[in-house]
Amino acid sequence: MTRGDGMKVQQSNTMSRLAVALLMAMAVIFGGLATASAQDVKIGYVDMQEALNSIEEGKRVKARLEREFAQRQERLDAKQNEVMQMRQELEQQAMMLSEDARRERVTTLQTRMQELQELYLQLQSELAQQEAEATKSIFDRMRGIIATMAREQGYTLILERTESSVLYAADGMNLTTELVRRYNAARN
């Protein structure tokens, strides 16, 4: 190791020690501030998906989307039945067909199967986009109501509950029912 390398290692160690000391000082300072103000913190949570499924407007949107899904599913099922029929016919007639005729039917079947897959992906994408568009305005209004609830009731923080985000919360922290009540009242 050269003298220059030794100086670089020494400077790196010094910088590391300074960074650790700085982090420790910040932890002590901010930890003390957090402890001092922890008594003023009020936290709640809302399950937005549950709220969406509970509000009247959300139920109407869900019913409309389910009708559209059923229509698209019928279209997809018809295409799938067509492909299955072609496959069965090919399997039944394969021994009687010439090599060229069999190859042509296999190619046609593969094309239809590809079209079926593309249709499925297209319909899935369209439904996801429609759901996002339909629920965006609802979620925007919910966020406004949540902000009002936070100001009125002195909440410092309101979290969104999902399967993995809020693992435990004490009774009384769930504001979903109040959100649904206020949303329905505002829409009527």
Protein backbone atom coordinates (compact mmCIF):
# COMPACT_ATOMS: atom_id res chain seq x y z
CA MET A 1 0.00 0.00 0.00
CA THR A 2 1.34 3.41 -0.91
CA ARG A 3 1.40 6.40 1.34
CA GLY A 4 -1.42 8.00 -0.70
CA ASP A 5 -3.62 4.93 -0.24
CA GLY A 6 -3.04 5.04 3.51
CA MET A 7 -4.13 8.68 3.63
CA LYS A 8 -7.29 7.90 1.65
CA VAL A 9 -8.21 5.10 4.08
CA GLN A 10 -7.53 7.39 7.05
CA GLN A 11 -9.67 10.17 5.53
CA SER A 12 -12.45 7.66 4.78
CA ASN A 13 -12.40 6.39 8.38
CA THR A 14 -12.49 9.94 9.72
CA MET A 15 -15.44 10.79 7.45
CA SER A 16 -17.27 7.64 8.54
CA ARG A 17 -16.78 8.51 12.22
CA LEU A 18 -18.00 12.06 11.62
CA ALA A 19 -21.08 10.77 9.77
CA VAL A 20 -21.88 8.34 12.61
CA ALA A 21 -21.44 11.10 15.21
CA LEU A 22 -23.67 13.43 13.21
CA LEU A 23 -26.37 10.77 12.85
CA MET A 24 -26.25 10.03 16.57
CA ALA A 25 -26.57 13.73 17.43
CA MET A 26 -29.54 14.07 15.05
CA ALA A 27 -31.20 11.01 16.59
CA VAL A 28 -30.85 12.47 20.08
CA ILE A 29 -32.16 15.89 19.01
CA PHE A 30 -35.07 14.65 16.91
CA GLY A 31 -35.82 11.82 19.31
CA GLY A 32 -36.21 14.36 22.08
CA LEU A 33 -38.48 16.49 19.91
CA ALA A 34 -40.58 13.48 18.94
CA THR A 35 -40.96 12.48 22.59
CA ALA A 36 -41.91 15.99 23.61
CA SER A 37 -44.58 16.31 20.92
CA ALA A 38 -45.80 12.69 20.91
CA GLN A 39 -48.54 13.67 23.33
CA ASP A 40 -49.99 16.02 20.69
CA VAL A 41 -50.09 13.42 17.91
CA LYS A 42 -53.47 11.98 16.94
CA ILE A 43 -53.51 9.25 14.31
CA GLY A 44 -56.36 7.49 12.52
CA TYR A 45 -56.79 5.33 9.47
CA VAL A 46 -59.29 4.75 6.68
CA ASP A 47 -59.83 1.64 4.57
CA MET A 48 -60.46 3.32 1.21
CA GLN A 49 -61.47 0.08 -0.53
CA GLU A 50 -64.02 -0.72 2.17
CA ALA A 51 -65.33 2.85 1.96
CA LEU A 52 -65.62 2.62 -1.83
CA ASN A 53 -67.61 -0.61 -1.52
CA SER A 54 -69.84 0.89 1.19
CA ILE A 55 -70.85 4.23 -0.31
CA GLU A 56 -73.92 4.39 -2.54
CA GLU A 57 -72.03 5.90 -5.48
CA GLY A 58 -69.38 3.19 -5.18
CA LYS A 59 -72.04 0.48 -5.25
CA ARG A 60 -73.53 1.99 -8.44
CA VAL A 61 -70.11 2.21 -10.09
CA LYS A 62 -69.32 -1.37 -9.09
CA ALA A 63 -72.65 -2.62 -10.49
CA ARG A 64 -72.04 -0.78 -13.79
CA LEU A 65 -68.53 -2.17 -14.07
CA GLU A 66 -69.81 -5.69 -13.33
CA ARG A 67 -72.39 -5.35 -16.15
CA GLU A 68 -69.68 -4.21 -18.55
CA PHE A 69 -67.45 -7.06 -17.39
CA ALA A 70 -70.25 -9.57 -18.02
CA GLN A 71 -70.76 -8.22 -21.57
CA ARG A 72 -67.07 -8.45 -22.30
CA GLN A 73 -66.87 -11.89 -20.74
CA GLU A 74 -69.62 -13.08 -23.10
CA ARG A 75 -67.62 -11.81 -26.06
CA LEU A 76 -64.50 -13.50 -24.76
CA ASP A 77 -66.35 -16.76 -24.08
CA ALA A 78 -67.75 -16.79 -27.64
CA LYS A 79 -64.25 -16.34 -29.06
CA GLN A 80 -62.89 -19.03 -26.75
CA ASN A 81 -65.65 -21.46 -27.77
CA GLU A 82 -64.83 -20.79 -31.42
CA VAL A 83 -61.17 -21.63 -30.80
CA MET A 84 -62.04 -24.77 -28.83
CA GLN A 85 -64.36 -25.90 -31.65
CA MET A 86 -61.60 -25.38 -34.23
CA ARG A 87 -59.17 -27.36 -32.08
CA GLN A 88 -61.58 -30.27 -31.66
CA GLU A 89 -62.29 -30.37 -35.39
CA LEU A 90 -58.58 -30.34 -36.14
CA GLU A 91 -57.93 -33.19 -33.68
CA GLN A 92 -60.79 -35.24 -35.16
CA GLN A 93 -59.84 -34.66 -38.79
CA ALA A 94 -56.04 -34.59 -38.47
CA MET A 95 -55.53 -38.12 -39.85
CA MET A 96 -57.76 -37.49 -42.87
CA LEU A 97 -56.19 -34.18 -43.91
CA SER A 98 -53.29 -33.75 -46.25
CA GLU A 99 -50.09 -32.36 -44.75
CA ASP A 100 -50.70 -28.95 -46.37
CA ALA A 101 -54.34 -28.78 -45.21
CA ARG A 102 -53.37 -29.82 -41.68
CA ARG A 103 -50.55 -27.25 -41.56
CA GLU A 104 -52.95 -24.54 -42.79
CA ARG A 105 -55.52 -25.38 -40.09
CA VAL A 106 -52.84 -25.45 -37.39
CA THR A 107 -51.67 -22.00 -38.52
CA THR A 108 -55.27 -20.71 -38.50
CA LEU A 109 -55.82 -22.18 -35.02
CA GLN A 110 -52.64 -20.58 -33.71
CA THR A 111 -53.72 -17.23 -35.18
CA ARG A 112 -57.14 -17.51 -33.51
CA MET A 113 -55.52 -18.43 -30.19
CA GLN A 114 -53.26 -15.38 -30.45
CA GLU A 115 -56.28 -13.20 -31.24
CA LEU A 116 -58.08 -14.65 -28.21
CA GLN A 117 -55.14 -13.81 -25.97
CA GLU A 118 -54.90 -10.27 -27.38
CA LEU A 119 -58.65 -9.78 -26.90
CA TYR A 120 -58.37 -10.93 -23.30
CA LEU A 121 -55.52 -8.50 -22.59
CA GLN A 122 -57.34 -5.66 -24.36
CA LEU A 123 -60.58 -6.23 -22.42
CA GLN A 124 -58.69 -6.53 -19.16
CA SER A 125 -56.86 -3.27 -19.84
CA GLU A 126 -60.07 -1.46 -20.81
CA LEU A 127 -61.83 -2.59 -17.63
CA ALA A 128 -58.90 -1.54 -15.45
CA GLN A 129 -58.85 1.88 -17.12
CA GLN A 130 -62.62 2.32 -16.72
CA GLU A 131 -62.41 1.34 -13.06
CA ALA A 132 -59.57 3.81 -12.45
CA GLU A 133 -61.47 6.62 -14.17
CA ALA A 134 -64.71 5.83 -12.35
CA THR A 135 -63.11 5.68 -8.91
CA LYS A 136 -60.68 8.60 -9.25
CA SER A 137 -63.31 11.27 -8.66
CA ILE A 138 -64.76 9.30 -5.74
CA PHE A 139 -61.34 8.94 -4.10
CA ASP A 140 -60.64 12.65 -4.68
CA ARG A 141 -63.88 13.58 -2.87
CA MET A 142 -63.03 11.12 -0.08
CA ARG A 143 -59.63 12.76 0.38
CA GLY A 144 -61.35 16.13 0.77
CA ILE A 145 -63.69 14.70 3.42
CA ILE A 146 -60.74 13.08 5.20
CA ALA A 147 -58.90 16.42 5.28
CA THR A 148 -62.00 18.07 6.76
CA MET A 149 -62.35 15.32 9.37
CA ALA A 150 -58.66 15.70 10.28
CA ARG A 151 -58.98 19.45 10.77
CA GLU A 152 -62.25 19.23 12.73
CA GLN A 153 -61.11 16.42 15.03
CA GLY A 154 -57.46 17.42 15.43
CA TYR A 155 -55.84 14.51 13.62
CA THR A 156 -52.14 14.89 12.90
CA LEU A 157 -52.06 11.94 10.52
CA ILE A 158 -54.65 9.75 8.79
CA LEU A 159 -53.28 6.66 7.06
CA GLU A 160 -54.80 4.46 4.38
CA ARG A 161 -55.28 0.92 5.54
CA THR A 162 -54.38 -1.86 3.16
CA GLU A 163 -53.61 -5.50 3.83
CA SER A 164 -50.00 -4.73 4.67
CA SER A 165 -49.93 -1.09 5.74
CA VAL A 166 -51.73 -1.06 9.11
CA LEU A 167 -51.05 -4.28 10.95
CA TYR A 168 -52.51 -3.14 14.28
CA ALA A 169 -54.50 -0.18 15.48
CA ALA A 170 -56.28 0.48 18.74
CA ASP A 171 -60.06 0.71 18.82
CA GLY A 172 -61.33 4.10 17.76
CA MET A 173 -58.64 4.78 15.18
CA ASN A 174 -60.70 3.43 12.26
CA LEU A 175 -62.44 6.38 10.60
CA THR A 176 -63.90 4.43 7.65
CA THR A 177 -67.49 4.35 8.92
CA GLU A 178 -67.50 8.09 9.54
CA LEU A 179 -66.02 8.70 6.08
CA VAL A 180 -68.79 6.61 4.47
CA ARG A 181 -71.48 8.40 6.49
CA ARG A 182 -70.17 11.84 5.55
CA TYR A 183 -69.68 10.91 1.88
CA ASN A 184 -73.22 9.56 1.53
CA ALA A 185 -74.64 12.59 3.36
CA ALA A 186 -72.77 14.99 1.07
CA ARG A 187 -73.98 13.16 -2.07
CA ASN A 188 -77.68 13.12 -1.06
